[in-house]
Amino acid sequence: MQRLLAILAFYKPFVVSSFIVTAIIGFFNPHLAPAIVTKLFLTVFAWYYVSETPNKRKLTFYKNIGISPLKLFSSMFIVDCILTVGFLIVFKEFT
């Protein structure tokens, strides 16, 4: 349970930007496939940003509690996809 909370704490700074991107995708093209591909691209970009900047120190904390960067970012991608799918389903109902 602590690992899940740690992953969610890592995801917290990305939530607002992810929601904005999801809203833009939903407005222009509310299909799931382009949204998931966009989220995958953004997750890879976040990994690159965190691992190649001074923010790399954040990954040390997660390594110390037993979460590898691959597991961290893949879990972040899965949580983001779940939120995106839920948002797009609701968005399709109102459009």
N, C-alpha and C. Protein backbone atom coordinates (compact mmCIF):
# COMPACT_ATOMS: atom_id res chain seq x y z
N MET A 1 0.82 -1.19 0.00
CA MET A 1 0.00 0.00 0.00
C MET A 1 0.87 1.25 0.00
N GLN A 2 2.01 1.18 0.73
CA GLN A 2 2.90 2.33 0.77
C GLN A 2 3.49 2.62 -0.60
N ARG A 3 3.78 1.59 -1.35
CA ARG A 3 4.34 1.79 -2.69
C ARG A 3 3.34 2.46 -3.61
N LEU A 4 2.08 2.05 -3.52
CA LEU A 4 1.04 2.68 -4.33
C LEU A 4 0.90 4.15 -3.98
N LEU A 5 0.92 4.47 -2.70
CA LEU A 5 0.83 5.87 -2.28
C LEU A 5 2.05 6.66 -2.73
N ALA A 6 3.22 6.02 -2.73
CA ALA A 6 4.43 6.69 -3.21
C ALA A 6 4.33 6.96 -4.71
N ILE A 7 3.79 6.02 -5.47
CA ILE A 7 3.62 6.22 -6.91
C ILE A 7 2.63 7.34 -7.17
N LEU A 8 1.54 7.37 -6.42
CA LEU A 8 0.55 8.44 -6.58
C LEU A 8 1.13 9.80 -6.18
N ALA A 9 2.01 9.81 -5.18
CA ALA A 9 2.67 11.06 -4.80
C ALA A 9 3.61 11.53 -5.91
N PHE A 10 4.24 10.60 -6.60
CA PHE A 10 5.10 10.96 -7.73
C PHE A 10 4.26 11.49 -8.89
N TYR A 11 3.08 10.93 -9.09
CA TYR A 11 2.20 11.31 -10.19
C TYR A 11 1.52 12.67 -9.96
N LYS A 12 1.41 13.08 -8.71
CA LYS A 12 0.66 14.27 -8.34
C LYS A 12 1.07 15.54 -9.12
N PRO A 13 2.35 15.85 -9.33
CA PRO A 13 2.68 17.06 -10.08
C PRO A 13 2.28 17.00 -11.56
N PHE A 14 2.07 15.80 -12.08
CA PHE A 14 1.73 15.64 -13.49
C PHE A 14 0.22 15.63 -13.75
N VAL A 15 -0.59 15.61 -12.72
CA VAL A 15 -2.03 15.46 -12.87
C VAL A 15 -2.66 16.63 -13.64
N VAL A 16 -2.30 17.84 -13.30
CA VAL A 16 -2.93 19.00 -13.92
C VAL A 16 -2.61 19.05 -15.41
N SER A 17 -1.33 18.88 -15.75
CA SER A 17 -0.97 18.92 -17.17
C SER A 17 -1.60 17.76 -17.92
N SER A 18 -1.69 16.60 -17.29
CA SER A 18 -2.32 15.44 -17.92
C SER A 18 -3.80 15.69 -18.16
N PHE A 19 -4.47 16.31 -17.20
CA PHE A 19 -5.88 16.62 -17.35
C PHE A 19 -6.12 17.63 -18.48
N ILE A 20 -5.25 18.62 -18.58
CA ILE A 20 -5.38 19.62 -19.64
C ILE A 20 -5.21 18.95 -21.00
N VAL A 21 -4.21 18.08 -21.12
CA VAL A 21 -3.99 17.37 -22.38
C VAL A 21 -5.18 16.47 -22.70
N THR A 22 -5.72 15.80 -21.71
CA THR A 22 -6.88 14.94 -21.93
C THR A 22 -8.09 15.76 -22.38
N ALA A 23 -8.28 16.92 -21.78
CA ALA A 23 -9.41 17.78 -22.18
C ALA A 23 -9.24 18.25 -23.62
N ILE A 24 -8.04 18.60 -24.01
CA ILE A 24 -7.80 19.03 -25.39
C ILE A 24 -8.03 17.87 -26.36
N ILE A 25 -7.52 16.71 -26.01
CA ILE A 25 -7.73 15.53 -26.86
C ILE A 25 -9.22 15.22 -26.96
N GLY A 26 -9.94 15.27 -25.84
CA GLY A 26 -11.36 14.99 -25.84
C GLY A 26 -12.16 15.98 -26.67
N PHE A 27 -11.73 17.21 -26.69
CA PHE A 27 -12.43 18.23 -27.46
C PHE A 27 -12.24 18.03 -28.97
N PHE A 28 -11.02 17.71 -29.38
CA PHE A 28 -10.74 17.58 -30.81
C PHE A 28 -11.00 16.18 -31.36
N ASN A 29 -10.63 15.14 -30.61
CA ASN A 29 -10.76 13.77 -31.10
C ASN A 29 -10.99 12.84 -29.90
N PRO A 30 -12.25 12.60 -29.51
CA PRO A 30 -12.52 11.85 -28.28
C PRO A 30 -12.40 10.33 -28.42
N HIS A 31 -11.52 9.85 -29.26
CA HIS A 31 -11.31 8.41 -29.39
C HIS A 31 -10.21 7.97 -28.43
N LEU A 32 -10.27 6.71 -28.02
CA LEU A 32 -9.34 6.23 -27.01
C LEU A 32 -7.93 6.01 -27.53
N ALA A 33 -7.78 5.48 -28.74
CA ALA A 33 -6.45 5.13 -29.25
C ALA A 33 -5.51 6.34 -29.32
N PRO A 34 -5.92 7.47 -29.93
CA PRO A 34 -5.01 8.62 -29.96
C PRO A 34 -4.69 9.16 -28.56
N ALA A 35 -5.65 9.06 -27.66
CA ALA A 35 -5.42 9.54 -26.30
C ALA A 35 -4.38 8.67 -25.58
N ILE A 36 -4.48 7.36 -25.74
CA ILE A 36 -3.54 6.45 -25.09
C ILE A 36 -2.14 6.63 -25.68
N VAL A 37 -2.04 6.78 -26.99
CA VAL A 37 -0.74 6.99 -27.63
C VAL A 37 -0.13 8.31 -27.15
N THR A 38 -0.95 9.34 -27.03
CA THR A 38 -0.46 10.63 -26.53
C THR A 38 0.02 10.50 -25.10
N LYS A 39 -0.71 9.76 -24.29
CA LYS A 39 -0.30 9.56 -22.90
C LYS A 39 1.00 8.77 -22.80
N LEU A 40 1.18 7.80 -23.70
CA LEU A 40 2.43 7.05 -23.73
C LEU A 40 3.59 7.98 -24.08
N PHE A 41 3.40 8.84 -25.08
CA PHE A 41 4.42 9.81 -25.44
C PHE A 41 4.74 10.73 -24.27
N LEU A 42 3.73 11.21 -23.57
CA LEU A 42 3.95 12.10 -22.44
C LEU A 42 4.65 11.40 -21.28
N THR A 43 4.37 10.12 -21.09
CA THR A 43 5.04 9.36 -20.05
C THR A 43 6.52 9.19 -20.37
N VAL A 44 6.83 8.90 -21.63
CA VAL A 44 8.23 8.80 -22.04
C VAL A 44 8.93 10.15 -21.88
N PHE A 45 8.24 11.22 -22.24
CA PHE A 45 8.81 12.56 -22.06
C PHE A 45 9.05 12.84 -20.58
N ALA A 46 8.12 12.48 -19.71
CA ALA A 46 8.30 12.69 -18.26
C ALA A 46 9.49 11.89 -17.75
N TRP A 47 9.64 10.64 -18.23
CA TRP A 47 10.80 9.84 -17.83
C TRP A 47 12.10 10.53 -18.25
N TYR A 48 12.14 11.00 -19.49
CA TYR A 48 13.34 11.69 -19.97
C TYR A 48 13.61 12.95 -19.15
N TYR A 49 12.57 13.71 -18.89
CA TYR A 49 12.71 14.94 -18.11
C TYR A 49 13.26 14.66 -16.72
N VAL A 50 12.71 13.66 -16.06
CA VAL A 50 13.13 13.36 -14.69
C VAL A 50 14.52 12.75 -14.67
N SER A 51 14.85 11.90 -15.63
CA SER A 51 16.13 11.21 -15.57
C SER A 51 17.30 12.02 -16.12
N GLU A 52 17.04 13.06 -16.89
CA GLU A 52 18.14 13.83 -17.49
C GLU A 52 18.30 15.23 -16.92
N THR A 53 17.57 15.58 -15.91
CA THR A 53 17.67 16.89 -15.28
C THR A 53 18.06 16.71 -13.82
N PRO A 54 18.27 17.80 -13.11
CA PRO A 54 18.57 17.66 -11.68
C PRO A 54 17.46 16.99 -10.87
N ASN A 55 16.30 16.80 -11.46
CA ASN A 55 15.21 16.09 -10.78
C ASN A 55 15.51 14.60 -10.63
N LYS A 56 16.64 14.15 -11.15
CA LYS A 56 17.02 12.74 -11.06
C LYS A 56 17.11 12.27 -9.61
N ARG A 57 17.37 13.21 -8.72
CA ARG A 57 17.46 12.86 -7.30
C ARG A 57 16.16 12.29 -6.76
N LYS A 58 15.03 12.68 -7.37
CA LYS A 58 13.74 12.15 -6.92
C LYS A 58 13.66 10.64 -7.12
N LEU A 59 14.31 10.14 -8.16
CA LEU A 59 14.27 8.71 -8.43
C LEU A 59 15.01 7.91 -7.38
N THR A 60 15.99 8.52 -6.72
CA THR A 60 16.75 7.82 -5.67
C THR A 60 15.83 7.41 -4.53
N PHE A 61 14.91 8.27 -4.14
CA PHE A 61 13.96 7.94 -3.09
C PHE A 61 13.15 6.70 -3.44
N TYR A 62 12.66 6.65 -4.68
CA TYR A 62 11.84 5.52 -5.09
C TYR A 62 12.67 4.25 -5.22
N LYS A 63 13.93 4.37 -5.63
CA LYS A 63 14.81 3.20 -5.68
C LYS A 63 15.05 2.66 -4.27
N ASN A 64 15.17 3.56 -3.28
CA ASN A 64 15.42 3.13 -1.90
C ASN A 64 14.23 2.38 -1.30
N ILE A 65 13.03 2.67 -1.76
CA ILE A 65 11.88 1.94 -1.22
C ILE A 65 11.49 0.76 -2.11
N GLY A 66 12.31 0.48 -3.12
CA GLY A 66 12.11 -0.73 -3.91
C GLY A 66 11.30 -0.57 -5.17
N ILE A 67 11.18 0.65 -5.67
CA ILE A 67 10.42 0.88 -6.90
C ILE A 67 11.41 1.32 -7.98
N SER A 68 11.55 0.51 -9.01
CA SER A 68 12.45 0.84 -10.10
C SER A 68 11.83 1.94 -10.97
N PRO A 69 12.66 2.68 -11.71
CA PRO A 69 12.08 3.71 -12.59
C PRO A 69 11.11 3.14 -13.61
N LEU A 70 11.38 1.95 -14.13
CA LEU A 70 10.46 1.33 -15.08
C LEU A 70 9.10 1.05 -14.44
N LYS A 71 9.12 0.51 -13.25
CA LYS A 71 7.88 0.23 -12.54
C LYS A 71 7.16 1.52 -12.17
N LEU A 72 7.91 2.54 -11.79
CA LEU A 72 7.33 3.82 -11.42
C LEU A 72 6.60 4.46 -12.60
N PHE A 73 7.26 4.53 -13.73
CA PHE A 73 6.66 5.20 -14.88
C PHE A 73 5.59 4.34 -15.55
N SER A 74 5.74 3.02 -15.51
CA SER A 74 4.67 2.19 -16.07
C SER A 74 3.42 2.26 -15.20
N SER A 75 3.59 2.31 -13.90
CA SER A 75 2.44 2.47 -13.00
C SER A 75 1.79 3.83 -13.21
N MET A 76 2.62 4.85 -13.40
CA MET A 76 2.09 6.18 -13.66
C MET A 76 1.29 6.19 -14.97
N PHE A 77 1.78 5.49 -15.99
CA PHE A 77 1.09 5.40 -17.26
C PHE A 77 -0.25 4.69 -17.11
N ILE A 78 -0.29 3.61 -16.34
CA ILE A 78 -1.53 2.86 -16.14
C ILE A 78 -2.57 3.72 -15.40
N VAL A 79 -2.14 4.40 -14.35
CA VAL A 79 -3.07 5.27 -13.61
C VAL A 79 -3.57 6.39 -14.52
N ASP A 80 -2.67 6.95 -15.32
CA ASP A 80 -3.06 8.02 -16.24
C ASP A 80 -4.03 7.51 -17.29
N CYS A 81 -3.82 6.32 -17.79
CA CYS A 81 -4.74 5.74 -18.79
C CYS A 81 -6.11 5.49 -18.19
N ILE A 82 -6.17 5.01 -16.98
CA ILE A 82 -7.45 4.77 -16.32
C ILE A 82 -8.23 6.09 -16.17
N LEU A 83 -7.53 7.14 -15.73
CA LEU A 83 -8.19 8.44 -15.60
C LEU A 83 -8.61 9.00 -16.95
N THR A 84 -7.77 8.79 -17.97
CA THR A 84 -8.09 9.29 -19.31
C THR A 84 -9.31 8.58 -19.88
N VAL A 85 -9.35 7.26 -19.76
CA VAL A 85 -10.49 6.51 -20.28
C VAL A 85 -11.77 6.93 -19.58
N GLY A 86 -11.72 7.08 -18.28
CA GLY A 86 -12.89 7.53 -17.54
C GLY A 86 -13.35 8.91 -17.97
N PHE A 87 -12.40 9.83 -18.13
CA PHE A 87 -12.75 11.17 -18.56
C PHE A 87 -13.34 11.18 -19.97
N LEU A 88 -12.75 10.42 -20.87
CA LEU A 88 -13.23 10.41 -22.26
C LEU A 88 -14.61 9.75 -22.38
N ILE A 89 -14.88 8.76 -21.55
CA ILE A 89 -16.21 8.15 -21.57
C ILE A 89 -17.26 9.16 -21.11
N VAL A 90 -16.96 9.89 -20.06
CA VAL A 90 -17.87 10.92 -19.58
C VAL A 90 -17.99 12.04 -20.62
N PHE A 91 -16.88 12.41 -21.23
CA PHE A 91 -16.87 13.48 -22.22
C PHE A 91 -17.72 13.11 -23.43
N LYS A 92 -17.64 11.84 -23.88
CA LYS A 92 -18.45 11.39 -25.02
C LYS A 92 -19.94 11.44 -24.73
N GLU A 93 -20.31 11.20 -23.48
CA GLU A 93 -21.73 11.21 -23.13
C GLU A 93 -22.34 12.60 -23.22
N PHE A 94 -21.54 13.63 -23.01
CA PHE A 94 -22.06 14.98 -23.02
C PHE A 94 -21.85 15.71 -24.33
N THR A 95 -21.22 15.07 -25.29
CA THR A 95 -21.04 15.72 -26.60
C THR A 95 -21.91 15.08 -27.65
